[in-house]
Amino acid sequence: MRTSLAVLLALVLAVAGCAREPPPPAPAAKPAPTVFDPLVQSEDRARAVERTVQEQDAAARRQIAAAEGAAPEAQR
């Protein structure tokens, strides 16, 4: 009798333990501000400016190359 009660209790605990759903994931919290945030923001702005300058440089180089390619044909 005790053995069957122990087996029954173990089965009930196993089923109860498996039936529980995992808790939902915690929402991603914004990290707390630090003393380095202004520096990081300055670096991000500098990278954005550098990207803009490089894009403008590439566009100017393409225009120059197109103008140089078109200039000999215009002289004919």
N, C-alpha and C. Protein backbone atom coordinates (compact mmCIF):
# COMPACT_ATOMS: atom_id res chain seq x y z
N MET A 1 0.82 -1.18 0.00
CA MET A 1 0.00 0.00 0.00
C MET A 1 0.87 1.26 0.00
N ARG A 2 1.90 1.26 0.83
CA ARG A 2 2.77 2.43 0.89
C ARG A 2 3.52 2.64 -0.41
N THR A 3 3.87 1.56 -1.06
CA THR A 3 4.61 1.66 -2.32
C THR A 3 3.73 2.28 -3.39
N SER A 4 2.49 1.82 -3.47
CA SER A 4 1.59 2.36 -4.49
C SER A 4 1.26 3.84 -4.20
N LEU A 5 1.16 4.18 -2.92
CA LEU A 5 0.92 5.57 -2.55
C LEU A 5 2.13 6.44 -2.93
N ALA A 6 3.31 5.94 -2.73
CA ALA A 6 4.53 6.68 -3.07
C ALA A 6 4.63 6.85 -4.59
N VAL A 7 4.29 5.80 -5.34
CA VAL A 7 4.33 5.86 -6.80
C VAL A 7 3.28 6.84 -7.30
N LEU A 8 2.10 6.79 -6.73
CA LEU A 8 1.02 7.69 -7.12
C LEU A 8 1.41 9.14 -6.81
N LEU A 9 1.97 9.37 -5.66
CA LEU A 9 2.41 10.70 -5.28
C LEU A 9 3.51 11.21 -6.23
N ALA A 10 4.45 10.34 -6.59
CA ALA A 10 5.52 10.71 -7.51
C ALA A 10 4.94 11.04 -8.88
N LEU A 11 3.96 10.27 -9.35
CA LEU A 11 3.33 10.55 -10.65
C LEU A 11 2.58 11.88 -10.64
N VAL A 12 1.86 12.14 -9.56
CA VAL A 12 1.11 13.39 -9.46
C VAL A 12 2.07 14.57 -9.45
N LEU A 13 3.15 14.47 -8.72
CA LEU A 13 4.13 15.56 -8.67
C LEU A 13 4.81 15.75 -10.03
N ALA A 14 5.09 14.65 -10.72
CA ALA A 14 5.74 14.75 -12.04
C ALA A 14 4.80 15.43 -13.03
N VAL A 15 3.53 15.06 -13.03
CA VAL A 15 2.56 15.67 -13.95
C VAL A 15 2.36 17.14 -13.60
N ALA A 16 2.27 17.43 -12.33
CA ALA A 16 2.06 18.81 -11.91
C ALA A 16 3.29 19.67 -12.26
N GLY A 17 4.45 19.11 -12.16
CA GLY A 17 5.66 19.85 -12.49
C GLY A 17 5.80 20.09 -13.98
N CYS A 18 5.35 19.17 -14.79
CA CYS A 18 5.47 19.31 -16.24
C CYS A 18 4.37 20.17 -16.84
N ALA A 19 3.25 20.29 -16.18
CA ALA A 19 2.11 21.01 -16.74
C ALA A 19 2.26 22.52 -16.63
N ARG A 20 3.13 22.99 -15.82
CA ARG A 20 3.27 24.43 -15.61
C ARG A 20 3.93 25.08 -16.83
N GLU A 21 3.35 26.19 -17.29
CA GLU A 21 3.91 26.92 -18.42
C GLU A 21 5.07 27.79 -17.94
N PRO A 22 6.07 27.96 -18.78
CA PRO A 22 7.18 28.83 -18.36
C PRO A 22 6.71 30.28 -18.30
N PRO A 23 7.28 31.06 -17.43
CA PRO A 23 6.86 32.46 -17.32
C PRO A 23 7.22 33.21 -18.61
N PRO A 24 6.44 34.22 -18.97
CA PRO A 24 6.75 34.98 -20.18
C PRO A 24 8.06 35.73 -20.01
N PRO A 25 8.77 35.96 -21.10
CA PRO A 25 10.05 36.68 -20.95
C PRO A 25 9.83 38.11 -20.48
N ALA A 26 10.74 38.57 -19.69
CA ALA A 26 10.64 39.94 -19.16
C ALA A 26 10.87 40.93 -20.31
N PRO A 27 10.14 42.03 -20.32
CA PRO A 27 10.36 43.02 -21.39
C PRO A 27 11.76 43.62 -21.27
N ALA A 28 12.33 43.91 -22.42
CA ALA A 28 13.67 44.48 -22.44
C ALA A 28 13.62 45.90 -21.88
N ALA A 29 14.34 46.09 -20.82
CA ALA A 29 14.37 47.40 -20.17
C ALA A 29 15.48 48.24 -20.78
N LYS A 30 15.23 49.53 -20.86
CA LYS A 30 16.25 50.45 -21.36
C LYS A 30 17.36 50.51 -20.32
N PRO A 31 18.61 50.41 -20.78
CA PRO A 31 19.69 50.44 -19.80
C PRO A 31 19.73 51.78 -19.06
N ALA A 32 20.18 51.72 -17.85
CA ALA A 32 20.26 52.93 -17.03
C ALA A 32 21.31 53.88 -17.61
N PRO A 33 21.05 55.17 -17.57
CA PRO A 33 22.03 56.12 -18.11
C PRO A 33 23.33 56.08 -17.31
N THR A 34 24.41 56.31 -18.02
CA THR A 34 25.72 56.33 -17.37
C THR A 34 26.40 57.67 -17.66
N VAL A 35 27.54 57.88 -17.06
CA VAL A 35 28.28 59.11 -17.29
C VAL A 35 28.87 59.15 -18.69
N PHE A 36 28.92 58.01 -19.38
CA PHE A 36 29.52 57.94 -20.70
C PHE A 36 28.51 58.17 -21.83
N ASP A 37 27.24 58.30 -21.50
CA ASP A 37 26.21 58.48 -22.53
C ASP A 37 26.47 59.70 -23.42
N PRO A 38 26.82 60.86 -22.89
CA PRO A 38 27.09 61.99 -23.79
C PRO A 38 28.25 61.72 -24.74
N LEU A 39 29.26 61.01 -24.25
CA LEU A 39 30.40 60.69 -25.11
C LEU A 39 30.00 59.73 -26.23
N VAL A 40 29.19 58.75 -25.88
CA VAL A 40 28.73 57.79 -26.88
C VAL A 40 27.85 58.48 -27.91
N GLN A 41 27.00 59.39 -27.46
CA GLN A 41 26.15 60.13 -28.39
C GLN A 41 26.99 61.00 -29.32
N SER A 42 28.05 61.59 -28.80
CA SER A 42 28.94 62.41 -29.64
C SER A 42 29.61 61.54 -30.69
N GLU A 43 30.04 60.36 -30.31
CA GLU A 43 30.66 59.45 -31.27
C GLU A 43 29.66 59.04 -32.35
N ASP A 44 28.43 58.77 -31.95
CA ASP A 44 27.40 58.38 -32.92
C ASP A 44 27.15 59.52 -33.91
N ARG A 45 27.08 60.75 -33.41
CA ARG A 45 26.89 61.90 -34.30
C ARG A 45 28.08 62.06 -35.24
N ALA A 46 29.28 61.87 -34.73
CA ALA A 46 30.48 61.99 -35.56
C ALA A 46 30.49 60.92 -36.65
N ARG A 47 30.06 59.72 -36.32
CA ARG A 47 29.99 58.66 -37.34
C ARG A 47 28.97 59.00 -38.41
N ALA A 48 27.84 59.58 -38.00
CA ALA A 48 26.81 59.96 -38.96
C ALA A 48 27.32 61.06 -39.89
N VAL A 49 28.03 62.03 -39.33
CA VAL A 49 28.60 63.10 -40.16
C VAL A 49 29.63 62.53 -41.12
N GLU A 50 30.48 61.64 -40.64
CA GLU A 50 31.50 61.02 -41.50
C GLU A 50 30.84 60.25 -42.64
N ARG A 51 29.78 59.52 -42.35
CA ARG A 51 29.06 58.77 -43.38
C ARG A 51 28.49 59.73 -44.44
N THR A 52 27.93 60.85 -43.98
CA THR A 52 27.37 61.84 -44.91
C THR A 52 28.47 62.43 -45.78
N VAL A 53 29.61 62.77 -45.18
CA VAL A 53 30.72 63.34 -45.94
C VAL A 53 31.23 62.34 -46.97
N GLN A 54 31.35 61.08 -46.59
CA GLN A 54 31.82 60.07 -47.53
C GLN A 54 30.83 59.87 -48.68
N GLU A 55 29.54 59.91 -48.39
CA GLU A 55 28.54 59.77 -49.45
C GLU A 55 28.60 60.95 -50.40
N GLN A 56 28.77 62.16 -49.87
CA GLN A 56 28.88 63.35 -50.72
C GLN A 56 30.15 63.29 -51.56
N ASP A 57 31.25 62.82 -50.97
CA ASP A 57 32.50 62.69 -51.70
C ASP A 57 32.35 61.68 -52.84
N ALA A 58 31.71 60.57 -52.56
CA ALA A 58 31.51 59.56 -53.60
C ALA A 58 30.64 60.12 -54.73
N ALA A 59 29.60 60.87 -54.38
CA ALA A 59 28.73 61.46 -55.40
C ALA A 59 29.51 62.48 -56.23
N ALA A 60 30.35 63.29 -55.61
CA ALA A 60 31.15 64.27 -56.34
C ALA A 60 32.14 63.58 -57.26
N ARG A 61 32.76 62.51 -56.79
CA ARG A 61 33.70 61.76 -57.63
C ARG A 61 32.99 61.14 -58.84
N ARG A 62 31.77 60.65 -58.63
CA ARG A 62 31.02 60.08 -59.76
C ARG A 62 30.69 61.17 -60.77
N GLN A 63 30.32 62.34 -60.30
CA GLN A 63 30.01 63.45 -61.21
C GLN A 63 31.25 63.88 -61.98
N ILE A 64 32.40 63.93 -61.30
CA ILE A 64 33.65 64.31 -61.97
C ILE A 64 34.01 63.27 -63.03
N ALA A 65 33.89 61.99 -62.66
CA ALA A 65 34.21 60.93 -63.61
C ALA A 65 33.27 60.98 -64.81
N ALA A 66 32.00 61.25 -64.57
CA ALA A 66 31.03 61.34 -65.67
C ALA A 66 31.34 62.55 -66.55
N ALA A 67 31.73 63.66 -65.93
CA ALA A 67 32.06 64.86 -66.70
C ALA A 67 33.34 64.65 -67.51
N GLU A 68 34.31 63.99 -66.96
CA GLU A 68 35.56 63.72 -67.69
C GLU A 68 35.30 62.75 -68.83
N GLY A 69 34.42 61.81 -68.62
CA GLY A 69 34.09 60.86 -69.68
C GLY A 69 33.30 61.52 -70.79
N ALA A 70 32.50 62.52 -70.49
CA ALA A 70 31.68 63.20 -71.48
C ALA A 70 32.44 64.31 -72.18
N ALA A 71 33.48 64.87 -71.57
CA ALA A 71 34.21 66.00 -72.15
C ALA A 71 34.88 65.64 -73.47
N PRO A 72 35.57 64.50 -73.62
CA PRO A 72 36.19 64.21 -74.92
C PRO A 72 35.16 64.04 -76.03
N GLU A 73 34.02 63.52 -75.73
CA GLU A 73 32.99 63.34 -76.75
C GLU A 73 32.42 64.68 -77.19
N ALA A 74 32.36 65.65 -76.30
CA ALA A 74 31.82 66.97 -76.63
C ALA A 74 32.78 67.74 -77.54
N GLN A 75 34.07 67.46 -77.47
CA GLN A 75 35.06 68.18 -78.26
C GLN A 75 35.10 67.68 -79.70
N ARG A 76 34.60 66.54 -80.01
CA ARG A 76 34.66 65.97 -81.36
C ARG A 76 33.82 66.73 -82.29
